[in-house]
Each structure stands twice: as structure tokens, then as C-alpha cells.
C-alpha atoms as a PDB file:
ATOM      1  CA  MET A   1       6.715 -20.034   0.492  1.00  0.00           C
ATOM      2  CA  PHE A   2       5.142 -19.036  -2.915  1.00  0.00           C
ATOM      3  CA  VAL A   3       3.286 -16.715  -4.746  1.00  0.00           C
ATOM      4  CA  LEU A   4       0.744 -17.241  -7.530  1.00  0.00           C
ATOM      5  CA  GLU A   5      -1.161 -14.991 -10.244  1.00  0.00           C
ATOM      6  CA  ASN A   6      -4.596 -15.414 -10.376  1.00  0.00           C
ATOM      7  CA  GLY A   7      -5.496 -12.707 -12.895  1.00  0.00           C
ATOM      8  CA  LYS A   8      -6.863  -9.195 -12.252  1.00  0.00           C
ATOM      9  CA  ASP A   9      -9.640  -7.655 -10.255  1.00  0.00           C
ATOM     10  CA  GLU A  10     -12.223  -4.987 -11.394  1.00  0.00           C
ATOM     11  CA  GLN A  11     -10.047  -2.239 -10.658  1.00  0.00           C
ATOM     12  CA  GLY A  12      -7.115  -3.783 -12.907  1.00  0.00           C
ATOM     13  CA  LYS A  13      -5.059  -4.946  -9.490  1.00  0.00           C
ATOM     14  CA  ARG A  14      -3.236  -8.291  -9.864  1.00  0.00           C
ATOM     15  CA  ILE A  15      -4.763 -10.935  -7.656  1.00  0.00           C
ATOM     16  CA  GLN A  16      -2.300 -12.824  -6.003  1.00  0.00           C
ATOM     17  CA  ILE A  17      -2.165 -16.041  -3.936  1.00  0.00           C
ATOM     18  CA  MET A  18       0.334 -16.625  -1.635  1.00  0.00           C
ATOM     19  CA  ARG A  19       1.523 -19.734   1.077  1.00  0.00           C
ATOM     20  CA  ARG A  20       3.938 -20.285   3.155  1.00  0.00           C
ATOM     21  CA  GLY A  21       4.968 -22.383   6.363  1.00  0.00           C
ATOM     22  CA  PHE A  22       5.956 -25.431   4.624  1.00  0.00           C
ATOM     23  CA  LYS A  23       8.166 -27.724   6.169  1.00  0.00           C
ATOM     24  CA  THR A  24       9.931 -28.675   3.130  1.00  0.00           C
ATOM     25  CA  LYS A  25      10.626 -27.596  -0.247  1.00  0.00           C
ATOM     26  CA  LYS A  26       8.577 -30.607  -1.808  1.00  0.00           C
ATOM     27  CA  GLU A  27       5.600 -29.668   0.413  1.00  0.00           C
ATOM     28  CA  ALA A  28       5.783 -26.274  -1.208  1.00  0.00           C
ATOM     29  CA  GLU A  29       6.044 -27.763  -4.599  1.00  0.00           C
ATOM     30  CA  GLU A  30       3.133 -30.001  -4.268  1.00  0.00           C
ATOM     31  CA  GLU A  31       1.012 -27.480  -2.919  1.00  0.00           C
ATOM     32  CA  TYR A  32       1.920 -25.033  -5.737  1.00  0.00           C
ATOM     33  CA  ASN A  33       1.277 -27.585  -8.143  1.00  0.00           C
ATOM     34  CA  ARG A  34      -2.295 -28.297  -6.590  1.00  0.00           C
ATOM     35  CA  VAL A  35      -3.085 -24.639  -6.626  1.00  0.00           C
ATOM     36  CA  LYS A  36      -1.924 -24.136 -10.300  1.00  0.00           C
ATOM     37  CA  TYR A  37      -3.911 -26.848 -11.330  1.00  0.00           C
ATOM     38  CA  GLU A  38      -7.043 -25.669  -9.834  1.00  0.00           C
ATOM     39  CA  ILE A  39      -6.676 -22.632 -11.355  1.00  0.00           C
ATOM     40  CA  GLN A  40      -6.215 -23.776 -14.827  1.00  0.00           C
ATOM     41  CA  GLN A  41      -8.950 -25.936 -14.413  1.00  0.00           C
ATOM     42  CA  GLY A  42     -11.678 -22.848 -13.013  1.00  0.00           C
ATOM     43  CA  ILE A  43     -12.042 -24.698  -9.920  1.00  0.00           C
ATOM     44  CA  TYR A  44     -10.234 -22.774  -7.581  1.00  0.00           C
ATOM     45  CA  VAL A  45     -11.980 -21.614  -4.422  1.00  0.00           C
ATOM     46  CA  GLU A  46     -10.196 -18.575  -1.791  1.00  0.00           C
ATOM     47  CA  PRO A  47     -10.182 -20.120   1.569  1.00  0.00           C
ATOM     48  CA  SER A  48     -12.763 -18.627   3.822  1.00  0.00           C
ATOM     49  CA  LYS A  49     -12.407 -18.039   7.741  1.00  0.00           C
ATOM     50  CA  LEU A  50     -16.452 -17.865   7.510  1.00  0.00           C
ATOM     51  CA  MET A  51     -17.594 -20.240  10.311  1.00  0.00           C
ATOM     52  CA  PHE A  52     -19.667 -23.394   8.796  1.00  0.00           C
ATOM     53  CA  SER A  53     -22.587 -22.148  11.239  1.00  0.00           C
ATOM     54  CA  ASP A  54     -22.697 -18.643   9.889  1.00  0.00           C
ATOM     55  CA  TYR A  55     -22.580 -20.142   6.582  1.00  0.00           C
ATOM     56  CA  PHE A  56     -25.739 -21.421   6.983  1.00  0.00           C
ATOM     57  CA  LYS A  57     -26.886 -18.244   8.468  1.00  0.00           C
ATOM     58  CA  GLU A  58     -26.219 -16.369   5.183  1.00  0.00           C
END
């Protein structure tokens, strides 16, 4: 499990990204590094539970 900071929202509350459920420490470290890199590059997109078909309806 890990938690990363991703700035603050409009109300000044910290935005945290949490991931868990890794089988090994190495898997967690790889995901941590990937997410951290995406945040630094400005390409991180928060996962959504929006269905693909619903995306096109909007």
C-alpha cells in the first residue's frame, strides 16, 4: 500500500492517491514510481468507474 500527495483542491484540502492490494513490495514500488512519474509530467489521469458506453453518451 502507498499514498501519494497530488496537490490541493479548490478548498485547500490535500488530494491523496492511495493504492493497495499488491502481492509483493516490488509491485507496489513499481506502481508508486509509475504514478509519481505521471504526476510530475502532468499526465496523471485519475481512474474512473465510468463505463465506456456512458462516456460516449455524455
